[in-house]
Amino acid sequence: MNYSFIKDLIGSPWQIEATTLNSFYPVFRGLFNGLQIEKGTEPENQKPFKLSATTRDIRMWSSPEEPLSEEDNQPEAEPSREKVINVIPIRGIILKHDQECGPRGTRTLGNRLLKADEDESVIGHIMIIESGGGQANAPVELTDAMQKCTKPIVVWIDGMACSAAEYIAVYAKEIIASRAMDLVGCIGTMMVWEGRSSKSDANEDGEISVTIYADGSEEKNEEYETAINSFNFKLAKERILNPFNEKFKADVMANRPQVLPEQLKGRTYFACDVVGTLIDSIGDFGTAIDRVLALANFKATTSTEDGAQETNKPQKEMKQFAHLNQVLNVSELIASDEGVFLNEEQLASVEESLEANQQLVVEAQNATTERDTATASLATAQATIAAAYNPFNAIDPTIANAETPEAKAEAVRSLLAARPGTTPLLNLGGQDEIVTDPEADWETINNLPHNKLVDENL
């Protein structure tokens, strides 16, 4: 039995896409039933190689007989002055350690990456990813190495980069899918446990299974026992799965801040639906090479017939535009003598930004019109108030100098009070009580000459 391999699998949290895990189950169950996996060399399609940065031809394959070691002690290659691109394929299930059947683990892949990055002939790296994910503790071995690299890294997805594979991809400078229907995402963490309960019923052979823990070991394997015996998964989630998953999501957001919150819930997407968030663009392997050359600012040279060196389409320094770079979701604009070229997705981003800007212009114009209308209404109201104040202000300087309506009214009262002959003795809004004398001779009074004159004038 392959004990070391099984040890890596049992109880390990997984960051893996469902169909990939299901396809692995027959192997997993076979190992439990005594399936022996023969030792083998690393598959050819998983071996690293180097491409000429000038001609794009393969210049070097790793040694087919390299020793099986996580230190990856490959024979030192002959020094070369030709500039190359280091290519590292990551295919199949991602595991931390090397497997006896051939595939290398992420620890070896990380060592390979760092060794290539130290090579002066290497200008950058391409990671070819074709994987549905793997162990949750595997990506960190490679992502730690990626963060130490000084040369640009571009990921090219060859069909699928899900879960742990996406975890690795987000640490690259750019992510390019090979086709619109490539599968990406599946950001989440899971676990599969199988076993018999701690006090199980007898099997077909009459055997029972019991699990016994020493005193003081009440929490030992508590997550597993609670899940198996009580079908309660709370502890397994809180103590194992959730910490792995929160770290997974935090690292994705840190490296790709443009990712949408709904894309962090475990769904798998087609590449064409997540351009600009989970991936940067869609293109063939040549596109990945182009991007490494651009990010490395590599100037390819060829020899002319007279032996002179000439530069092929040299890149040149150019002014950077912060807002445009943000719209295009690139850290740097790269130009050649022919100019700056944008792909369809980048042109769509510019178009969307211009449309949004045009909408802002319309809204600003409407706001200006509303402001001008309000200003005109205010001027009219101020003129009306001034016209109403003018007759009162003309009465006396104290009224004119009063700033508020209340102050002007008080000034009028003060002026009236200073003139006793005009001082109202009673409340002008009231009415004096009329007292009549019942003994008065009203007929005689009304016939007085002056009263008759008044009556005639009325």
Protein backbone atom coordinates (compact mmCIF):
# COMPACT_ATOMS: atom_id res chain seq x y z
CA MET A 1 0.00 0.00 0.00
CA ASN A 2 1.26 3.53 -0.83
CA TYR A 3 1.13 4.79 2.73
CA SER A 4 2.80 8.16 2.13
CA PHE A 5 0.41 8.95 -0.72
CA ILE A 6 -2.66 7.88 1.27
CA LYS A 7 -1.47 9.91 4.26
CA ASP A 8 -1.48 13.03 2.10
CA LEU A 9 -5.06 12.36 1.00
CA ILE A 10 -6.93 11.21 4.11
CA GLY A 11 -8.47 14.03 6.08
CA SER A 12 -6.84 16.75 4.00
CA PRO A 13 -8.92 19.83 3.17
CA TRP A 14 -9.32 20.16 -0.58
CA GLN A 15 -9.60 23.12 -2.89
CA ILE A 16 -10.75 21.21 -5.92
CA GLU A 17 -13.42 21.21 -8.60
CA ALA A 18 -16.11 18.50 -8.24
CA THR A 19 -15.56 16.58 -11.49
CA THR A 20 -11.82 16.49 -10.84
CA LEU A 21 -12.39 15.04 -7.38
CA ASN A 22 -14.90 12.49 -8.65
CA SER A 23 -12.51 11.31 -11.34
CA PHE A 24 -9.91 10.76 -8.64
CA TYR A 25 -12.17 8.59 -6.44
CA PRO A 26 -11.47 5.29 -8.26
CA VAL A 27 -7.76 5.72 -7.62
CA PHE A 28 -8.40 6.70 -4.03
CA ARG A 29 -10.58 3.65 -3.34
CA GLY A 30 -8.19 1.40 -5.20
CA LEU A 31 -5.37 2.47 -2.90
CA PHE A 32 -7.47 1.47 0.12
CA ASN A 33 -8.05 -1.91 -1.47
CA GLY A 34 -4.37 -2.53 -2.00
CA LEU A 35 -3.81 -0.98 -5.43
CA GLN A 36 -0.09 -0.56 -6.01
CA ILE A 37 1.13 2.38 -8.07
CA GLU A 38 4.36 1.70 -9.87
CA LYS A 39 7.19 4.17 -9.67
CA GLY A 40 7.57 6.26 -12.76
CA THR A 41 9.33 9.21 -14.24
CA GLU A 42 7.77 12.62 -14.56
CA PRO A 43 5.24 12.80 -17.43
CA GLU A 44 6.61 14.60 -20.47
CA ASN A 45 3.77 17.12 -20.57
CA GLN A 46 4.56 18.20 -17.00
CA LYS A 47 8.27 18.84 -17.48
CA PRO A 48 9.53 22.42 -17.57
CA PHE A 49 11.22 23.80 -20.65
CA LYS A 50 12.68 27.02 -21.98
CA LEU A 51 11.76 29.02 -25.09
CA SER A 52 14.03 31.36 -27.03
CA ALA A 53 12.86 34.90 -26.39
CA THR A 54 13.89 35.81 -29.93
CA THR A 55 12.76 32.88 -32.08
CA ARG A 56 10.27 31.30 -29.64
CA ASP A 57 11.76 27.87 -30.35
CA ILE A 58 12.24 25.34 -27.55
CA ARG A 59 15.81 25.65 -26.34
CA MET A 60 15.96 23.26 -23.39
CA TRP A 61 14.00 20.45 -21.74
CA SER A 62 14.60 19.28 -18.20
CA SER A 63 16.67 16.13 -17.93
CA PRO A 64 14.42 13.04 -18.39
CA GLU A 65 16.43 11.14 -15.81
CA GLU A 66 16.51 13.75 -13.06
CA PRO A 67 16.36 12.30 -9.54
CA LEU A 68 13.01 12.15 -7.70
CA SER A 69 13.67 14.74 -5.02
CA GLU A 70 11.78 17.71 -3.68
CA GLU A 71 15.09 19.57 -3.75
CA ASP A 72 14.93 19.03 -7.51
CA ASN A 73 18.67 18.61 -8.00
CA GLN A 74 18.74 18.89 -11.76
CA PRO A 75 22.08 18.85 -13.59
CA GLU A 76 23.30 22.39 -14.10
CA ALA A 77 22.76 23.53 -17.67
CA GLU A 78 25.52 25.03 -19.73
CA PRO A 79 25.56 28.81 -19.37
CA SER A 80 23.96 30.58 -22.31
CA ARG A 81 23.83 34.20 -23.35
CA GLU A 82 20.61 33.71 -25.29
CA LYS A 83 17.59 35.09 -23.49
CA VAL A 84 14.85 32.56 -22.78
CA ILE A 85 11.40 32.26 -21.22
CA ASN A 86 11.00 29.63 -18.51
CA VAL A 87 7.84 27.52 -18.93
CA ILE A 88 6.41 25.46 -16.04
CA PRO A 89 3.41 23.21 -16.76
CA ILE A 90 1.02 22.49 -13.87
CA ARG A 91 -1.31 19.69 -14.90
CA GLY A 92 -3.55 17.28 -13.03
CA ILE A 93 -4.27 17.23 -9.31
CA ILE A 94 -2.13 19.64 -7.30
CA LEU A 95 -0.38 18.00 -4.34
CA LYS A 96 2.24 19.32 -1.98
CA HIS A 97 4.74 16.44 -2.28
CA ASP A 98 6.24 14.57 -5.23
CA GLN A 99 4.50 11.33 -6.16
CA GLU A 100 6.30 8.07 -6.81
CA CYS A 101 4.31 7.64 -10.01
CA GLY A 102 5.97 10.71 -11.47
CA PRO A 103 4.09 14.02 -10.97
CA ARG A 104 5.92 16.63 -8.93
CA GLY A 105 4.45 18.46 -5.98
CA THR A 106 4.28 22.19 -5.48
CA ARG A 107 7.36 22.21 -3.27
CA THR A 108 9.46 20.94 -6.19
CA LEU A 109 7.73 23.30 -8.62
CA GLY A 110 8.53 26.23 -6.32
CA ASN A 111 12.20 25.23 -6.15
CA ARG A 112 12.33 24.98 -9.93
CA LEU A 113 10.76 28.40 -10.32
CA LEU A 114 13.24 30.10 -7.98
CA LYS A 115 16.21 28.38 -9.62
CA ALA A 116 15.07 29.54 -13.07
CA ASP A 117 14.43 33.07 -11.82
CA GLU A 118 18.06 33.29 -10.67
CA ASP A 119 19.27 32.37 -14.17
CA GLU A 120 20.46 35.51 -15.95
CA SER A 121 19.32 34.15 -19.31
CA VAL A 122 15.70 33.91 -18.12
CA ILE A 123 13.65 37.06 -18.74
CA GLY A 124 10.31 35.77 -17.41
CA HIS A 125 8.08 32.77 -16.76
CA ILE A 126 4.94 31.22 -18.20
CA MET A 127 2.91 28.82 -16.07
CA ILE A 128 0.72 26.52 -18.15
CA ILE A 129 -2.16 25.51 -15.87
CA GLU A 130 -4.50 22.64 -16.65
CA SER A 131 -5.87 21.61 -13.29
CA GLY A 132 -9.08 21.40 -11.31
CA GLY A 133 -7.24 22.02 -8.03
CA GLY A 134 -5.97 19.82 -5.23
CA GLN A 135 -4.88 19.90 -1.61
CA ALA A 136 -5.58 23.09 0.31
CA ASN A 137 -2.07 23.08 1.78
CA ALA A 138 -0.36 22.73 -1.61
CA PRO A 139 -0.61 26.20 -3.26
CA VAL A 140 1.43 28.04 -0.61
CA GLU A 141 4.58 26.09 -1.51
CA LEU A 142 4.43 27.58 -5.01
CA THR A 143 2.88 30.98 -4.28
CA ASP A 144 5.63 31.74 -1.75
CA ALA A 145 8.18 31.14 -4.50
CA MET A 146 6.20 33.27 -6.96
CA GLN A 147 6.34 36.22 -4.59
CA LYS A 148 10.14 35.94 -4.39
CA CYS A 149 10.61 36.02 -8.16
CA THR A 150 12.08 39.14 -9.77
CA LYS A 151 11.04 38.23 -13.34
CA PRO A 152 7.42 38.63 -14.58
CA ILE A 153 5.11 35.58 -14.39
CA VAL A 154 2.20 35.05 -16.79
CA VAL A 155 -0.32 32.22 -16.36
CA TRP A 156 -1.76 30.62 -19.48
CA ILE A 157 -4.81 28.45 -18.76
CA ASP A 158 -4.93 25.38 -20.96
CA GLY A 159 -8.56 24.41 -20.41
CA MET A 160 -9.04 24.68 -16.65
CA ALA A 161 -7.72 26.55 -13.62
CA CYS A 162 -10.06 25.88 -10.72
CA SER A 163 -9.85 26.12 -6.96
CA ALA A 164 -6.23 25.48 -5.84
CA ALA A 165 -5.10 26.07 -9.43
CA GLU A 166 -6.87 29.46 -9.46
CA TYR A 167 -5.27 30.14 -6.08
CA ILE A 168 -1.85 29.77 -7.71
CA ALA A 169 -2.83 31.72 -10.81
CA VAL A 170 -3.83 34.91 -8.98
CA TYR A 171 -0.22 35.43 -7.89
CA ALA A 172 0.88 35.89 -11.52
CA LYS A 173 1.28 39.27 -13.18
CA GLU A 174 -1.39 38.38 -15.73
CA ILE A 175 -3.81 35.49 -16.35
CA ILE A 176 -4.68 34.52 -19.92
CA ALA A 177 -7.22 31.83 -20.82
CA SER A 178 -6.69 29.82 -23.99
CA ARG A 179 -10.36 29.78 -24.98
CA ALA A 180 -13.64 31.43 -24.08
CA MET A 181 -14.98 28.16 -22.63
CA ASP A 182 -12.04 27.43 -20.34
CA LEU A 183 -13.16 26.80 -16.74
CA VAL A 184 -11.94 29.10 -13.98
CA GLY A 185 -12.87 29.99 -10.42
CA CYS A 186 -14.38 27.43 -8.03
CA ILE A 187 -12.96 29.41 -5.11
CA GLY A 188 -13.81 27.35 -2.02
CA THR A 189 -12.66 24.64 0.37
CA MET A 190 -14.11 21.19 1.08
CA MET A 191 -13.33 17.94 2.85
CA VAL A 192 -14.34 14.29 2.47
CA TRP A 193 -14.35 11.95 5.47
CA GLU A 194 -15.23 8.28 5.53
CA GLY A 195 -15.20 5.87 8.46
CA ARG A 196 -17.17 3.83 10.93
CA SER A 197 -18.77 5.34 14.02
CA SER A 198 -16.88 5.11 17.31
CA LYS A 199 -19.27 2.34 18.48
CA SER A 200 -20.38 0.69 15.28
CA ASP A 201 -22.69 -2.24 14.67
CA ALA A 202 -21.20 -5.57 13.68
CA ASN A 203 -20.28 -6.01 10.03
CA GLU A 204 -20.98 -9.05 7.88
CA ASP A 205 -18.16 -10.89 9.66
CA GLY A 206 -19.60 -10.12 13.07
CA GLU A 207 -16.90 -7.57 13.84
CA ILE A 208 -17.54 -4.26 15.58
CA SER A 209 -15.42 -1.12 15.71
CA VAL A 210 -14.81 0.99 18.82
CA THR A 211 -12.72 4.13 19.27
CA ILE A 212 -11.24 4.77 22.70
CA TYR A 213 -9.50 7.96 23.89
CA ALA A 214 -7.45 8.43 27.03
CA ASP A 215 -8.67 10.60 29.88
CA GLY A 216 -7.88 14.22 29.15
CA SER A 217 -8.14 13.69 25.38
CA GLU A 218 -11.77 14.70 25.04
CA GLU A 219 -11.06 17.10 22.14
CA LYS A 220 -8.81 14.76 20.21
CA ASN A 221 -10.25 14.20 16.72
CA GLU A 222 -13.38 15.97 17.95
CA GLU A 223 -14.15 17.40 14.51
CA TYR A 224 -14.00 13.96 12.89
CA GLU A 225 -15.89 12.12 15.64
CA THR A 226 -18.68 14.70 15.74
CA ALA A 227 -19.09 14.53 11.97
CA ILE A 228 -19.09 10.72 11.77
CA ASN A 229 -21.09 9.90 14.93
CA SER A 230 -23.52 12.84 15.13
CA PHE A 231 -23.58 13.96 11.50
CA ASN A 232 -22.71 17.39 12.89
CA PHE A 233 -20.21 19.30 10.73
CA LYS A 234 -20.04 22.55 12.73
CA LEU A 235 -16.65 21.89 14.32
CA ALA A 236 -15.09 20.66 11.07
CA LYS A 237 -16.19 23.84 9.32
CA GLU A 238 -15.20 26.25 12.09
CA ARG A 239 -11.83 24.71 12.94
CA ILE A 240 -10.59 23.34 9.63
CA LEU A 241 -12.47 24.41 6.51
CA ASN A 242 -13.33 28.03 7.30
CA PRO A 243 -9.77 29.14 8.20
CA PHE A 244 -8.43 27.65 4.95
CA ASN A 245 -11.26 29.23 2.97
CA GLU A 246 -10.96 32.70 4.50
CA LYS A 247 -7.23 32.71 3.73
CA PHE A 248 -8.01 31.56 0.18
CA LYS A 249 -10.48 34.41 -0.42
CA ALA A 250 -8.27 37.01 1.25
CA ASP A 251 -5.31 36.10 -0.95
CA VAL A 252 -7.44 36.20 -4.10
CA MET A 253 -8.77 39.67 -3.22
CA ALA A 254 -5.29 40.93 -2.31
CA ASN A 255 -3.84 39.86 -5.66
CA ARG A 256 -6.89 40.60 -7.80
CA PRO A 257 -8.80 43.45 -6.11
CA GLN A 258 -11.10 43.69 -9.13
CA VAL A 259 -12.69 40.31 -8.33
CA LEU A 260 -16.41 40.51 -7.54
CA PRO A 261 -17.76 39.33 -4.14
CA GLU A 262 -20.12 36.83 -5.80
CA GLN A 263 -17.13 35.21 -7.53
CA LEU A 264 -15.70 34.15 -4.16
CA LYS A 265 -18.53 31.75 -3.30
CA GLY A 266 -17.29 28.64 -5.10
CA ARG A 267 -18.93 28.86 -8.51
CA THR A 268 -17.04 27.74 -11.62
CA TYR A 269 -17.20 30.15 -14.59
CA PHE A 270 -16.44 30.15 -18.28
CA ALA A 271 -13.43 32.32 -19.03
CA CYS A 272 -15.43 34.61 -21.33
CA ASP A 273 -17.68 35.57 -18.39
CA VAL A 274 -14.92 36.69 -16.03
CA VAL A 275 -12.55 38.72 -18.22
CA GLY A 276 -11.32 41.64 -16.15
CA THR A 277 -11.96 39.93 -12.82
CA LEU A 278 -10.71 36.35 -12.49
CA ILE A 279 -8.67 36.54 -15.71
CA ASP A 280 -7.18 39.37 -17.77
CA SER A 281 -7.70 38.22 -21.34
CA ILE A 282 -8.22 35.31 -23.75
CA GLY A 283 -5.51 34.35 -26.22
CA ASP A 284 -3.31 31.58 -27.55
CA PHE A 285 0.08 30.55 -26.18
CA GLY A 286 1.72 33.13 -28.42
CA THR A 287 -0.24 35.81 -26.56
CA ALA A 288 1.29 34.61 -23.29
CA ILE A 289 4.75 34.86 -24.84
CA ASP A 290 3.98 38.38 -26.09
CA ARG A 291 2.92 39.47 -22.62
CA VAL A 292 6.07 38.11 -20.97
CA LEU A 293 8.23 39.89 -23.55
CA ALA A 294 6.29 43.12 -22.97
CA LEU A 295 6.38 42.88 -19.17
CA ALA A 296 10.12 42.10 -19.30
CA ASN A 297 10.64 45.02 -21.72
CA PHE A 298 12.62 42.64 -23.90
CA LYS A 299 14.14 43.96 -27.12
CA ALA A 300 14.78 41.08 -29.51
CA THR A 301 17.83 41.41 -31.80
CA THR A 302 18.75 39.52 -34.96
CA SER A 303 21.85 39.47 -37.11
CA THR A 304 21.80 41.04 -40.55
CA GLU A 305 23.72 39.75 -43.55
CA ASP A 306 26.71 41.95 -42.74
CA GLY A 307 26.80 40.65 -39.15
CA ALA A 308 25.32 43.77 -37.59
CA GLN A 309 22.67 43.51 -34.88
CA GLU A 310 19.24 45.05 -35.40
CA THR A 311 16.32 45.26 -33.02
CA ASN A 312 12.97 43.72 -33.95
CA LYS A 313 10.04 45.92 -33.02
CA PRO A 314 11.73 47.51 -30.02
CA GLN A 315 9.63 48.60 -27.13
CA LYS A 316 10.15 52.16 -26.06
CA GLU A 317 9.51 54.10 -22.95
CA MET A 318 6.32 56.09 -22.92
CA LYS A 319 4.37 58.33 -20.64
CA GLN A 320 1.97 56.50 -18.36
CA PHE A 321 -1.62 57.65 -17.87
CA ALA A 322 -2.93 56.70 -14.44
CA HIS A 323 -6.64 56.91 -15.31
CA LEU A 324 -6.25 55.07 -18.61
CA ASN A 325 -4.14 52.36 -16.97
CA GLN A 326 -6.88 51.92 -14.38
CA VAL A 327 -9.58 51.60 -17.04
CA LEU A 328 -7.48 49.06 -18.96
CA ASN A 329 -6.59 47.23 -15.74
CA VAL A 330 -2.86 47.26 -16.53
CA SER A 331 0.00 48.43 -14.38
CA GLU A 332 1.97 49.78 -17.33
CA LEU A 333 1.35 50.74 -20.95
CA ILE A 334 3.84 49.20 -23.39
CA ALA A 335 4.60 50.83 -26.74
CA SER A 336 6.61 49.96 -29.83
CA ASP A 337 7.42 52.07 -32.87
CA GLU A 338 4.04 51.11 -34.29
CA GLY A 339 2.23 52.46 -31.24
CA VAL A 340 0.16 51.01 -28.40
CA PHE A 341 -2.22 48.17 -29.20
CA LEU A 342 -5.34 47.22 -27.26
CA ASN A 343 -7.29 43.97 -27.38
CA GLU A 344 -11.09 43.77 -27.71
CA GLU A 345 -11.71 43.52 -23.96
CA GLN A 346 -9.57 46.59 -23.30
CA LEU A 347 -11.39 48.56 -26.01
CA ALA A 348 -14.69 47.55 -24.41
CA SER A 349 -13.44 48.86 -21.06
CA VAL A 350 -12.52 52.21 -22.65
CA GLU A 351 -15.94 52.41 -24.33
CA GLU A 352 -17.75 51.72 -21.05
CA SER A 353 -15.67 54.35 -19.28
CA LEU A 354 -16.42 56.95 -21.97
CA GLU A 355 -20.15 56.19 -21.78
CA ALA A 356 -20.08 56.60 -18.02
CA ASN A 357 -18.16 59.87 -18.41
CA GLN A 358 -20.70 61.17 -20.96
CA GLN A 359 -23.48 60.45 -18.50
CA LEU A 360 -21.61 62.42 -15.86
CA VAL A 361 -21.27 65.36 -18.30
CA VAL A 362 -25.05 65.36 -18.92
CA GLU A 363 -25.74 65.23 -15.20
CA ALA A 364 -23.28 68.10 -14.60
CA GLN A 365 -24.98 70.21 -17.31
CA ASN A 366 -28.41 69.58 -15.75
CA ALA A 367 -27.05 70.53 -12.33
CA THR A 368 -25.61 73.78 -13.77
CA THR A 369 -28.97 74.67 -15.34
CA GLU A 370 -30.77 74.04 -12.05
CA ARG A 371 -28.21 76.16 -10.22
CA ASP A 372 -28.62 79.09 -12.68
CA THR A 373 -32.42 78.93 -12.36
CA ALA A 374 -32.21 78.98 -8.59
CA THR A 375 -29.77 81.92 -8.70
CA ALA A 376 -32.15 83.92 -10.91
CA SER A 377 -35.10 83.19 -8.58
CA LEU A 378 -33.03 84.31 -5.61
CA ALA A 379 -32.13 87.60 -7.35
CA THR A 380 -35.81 88.27 -8.12
CA ALA A 381 -36.81 87.61 -4.52
CA GLN A 382 -34.05 89.88 -3.23
CA ALA A 383 -35.21 92.70 -5.56
CA THR A 384 -38.80 92.30 -4.39
CA ILE A 385 -37.76 92.50 -0.74
CA ALA A 386 -35.63 95.58 -1.44
CA ALA A 387 -38.55 97.29 -3.16
CA ALA A 388 -40.74 96.59 -0.14
CA TYR A 389 -38.11 98.01 2.23
CA ASN A 390 -37.43 101.25 0.30
CA PRO A 391 -40.50 103.28 1.48
CA PHE A 392 -39.71 102.48 5.12
CA ASN A 393 -35.98 103.11 4.70
CA ALA A 394 -36.77 106.58 3.36
CA ILE A 395 -38.54 107.58 6.62
CA ASP A 396 -35.43 107.74 8.76
CA PRO A 397 -31.76 106.59 8.68
CA THR A 398 -32.31 104.38 11.75
CA ILE A 399 -34.84 102.35 9.79
CA ALA A 400 -32.57 102.18 6.72
CA ASN A 401 -29.62 100.97 8.84
CA ALA A 402 -31.64 98.18 10.48
CA GLU A 403 -30.60 94.89 8.85
CA THR A 404 -33.60 92.63 9.54
CA PRO A 405 -37.40 93.11 9.25
CA GLU A 406 -37.68 92.78 13.03
CA ALA A 407 -35.03 95.46 13.56
CA LYS A 408 -36.78 97.82 11.14
CA ALA A 409 -40.13 97.38 12.97
CA GLU A 410 -38.44 98.15 16.28
CA ALA A 411 -36.91 101.29 14.77
CA VAL A 412 -40.39 102.47 13.66
CA ARG A 413 -41.77 101.90 17.17
CA SER A 414 -38.92 103.90 18.68
CA LEU A 415 -39.54 106.83 16.36
CA LEU A 416 -43.29 106.88 17.16
CA ALA A 417 -42.65 106.63 20.86
CA ALA A 418 -40.42 109.72 20.65
CA ARG A 419 -43.40 111.81 19.42
CA PRO A 420 -46.03 111.96 22.25
CA GLY A 421 -48.72 113.50 20.05
CA THR A 422 -48.73 110.48 17.90
CA THR A 423 -48.14 107.86 20.55
CA PRO A 424 -51.02 105.38 20.53
CA LEU A 425 -52.44 105.10 24.00
CA LEU A 426 -54.31 101.91 23.37
CA ASN A 427 -53.76 98.80 21.37
CA LEU A 428 -54.58 99.85 17.82
CA GLY A 429 -56.04 96.49 17.14
CA GLY A 430 -58.59 96.82 19.98
CA GLN A 431 -61.80 98.88 20.40
CA ASP A 432 -62.67 101.40 23.16
CA GLU A 433 -65.66 100.60 25.29
CA ILE A 434 -68.55 103.02 24.62
CA VAL A 435 -70.31 104.13 27.79
CA THR A 436 -73.70 105.83 27.36
CA ASP A 437 -75.57 107.98 29.82
CA PRO A 438 -79.17 106.78 30.09
CA GLU A 439 -80.30 110.22 31.33
CA ALA A 440 -78.88 112.14 28.29
CA ASP A 441 -81.39 114.00 26.06
CA TRP A 442 -80.31 112.52 22.70
CA GLU A 443 -83.04 114.29 20.76
CA THR A 444 -81.78 117.68 21.85
CA ILE A 445 -78.15 116.66 21.17
CA ASN A 446 -78.90 115.36 17.68
CA ASN A 447 -80.81 118.61 16.81
CA LEU A 448 -77.83 120.79 17.63
CA PRO A 449 -76.77 122.71 14.47
CA HIS A 450 -73.29 121.23 14.14
CA ASN A 451 -74.60 117.66 14.59
CA LYS A 452 -77.25 118.25 11.91
CA LEU A 453 -74.45 119.52 9.60
CA VAL A 454 -72.49 116.33 10.14
CA ASP A 455 -75.55 114.24 9.40
CA GLU A 456 -76.14 116.13 6.17
CA ASN A 457 -72.54 115.59 5.03
CA LEU A 458 -72.79 111.87 5.65
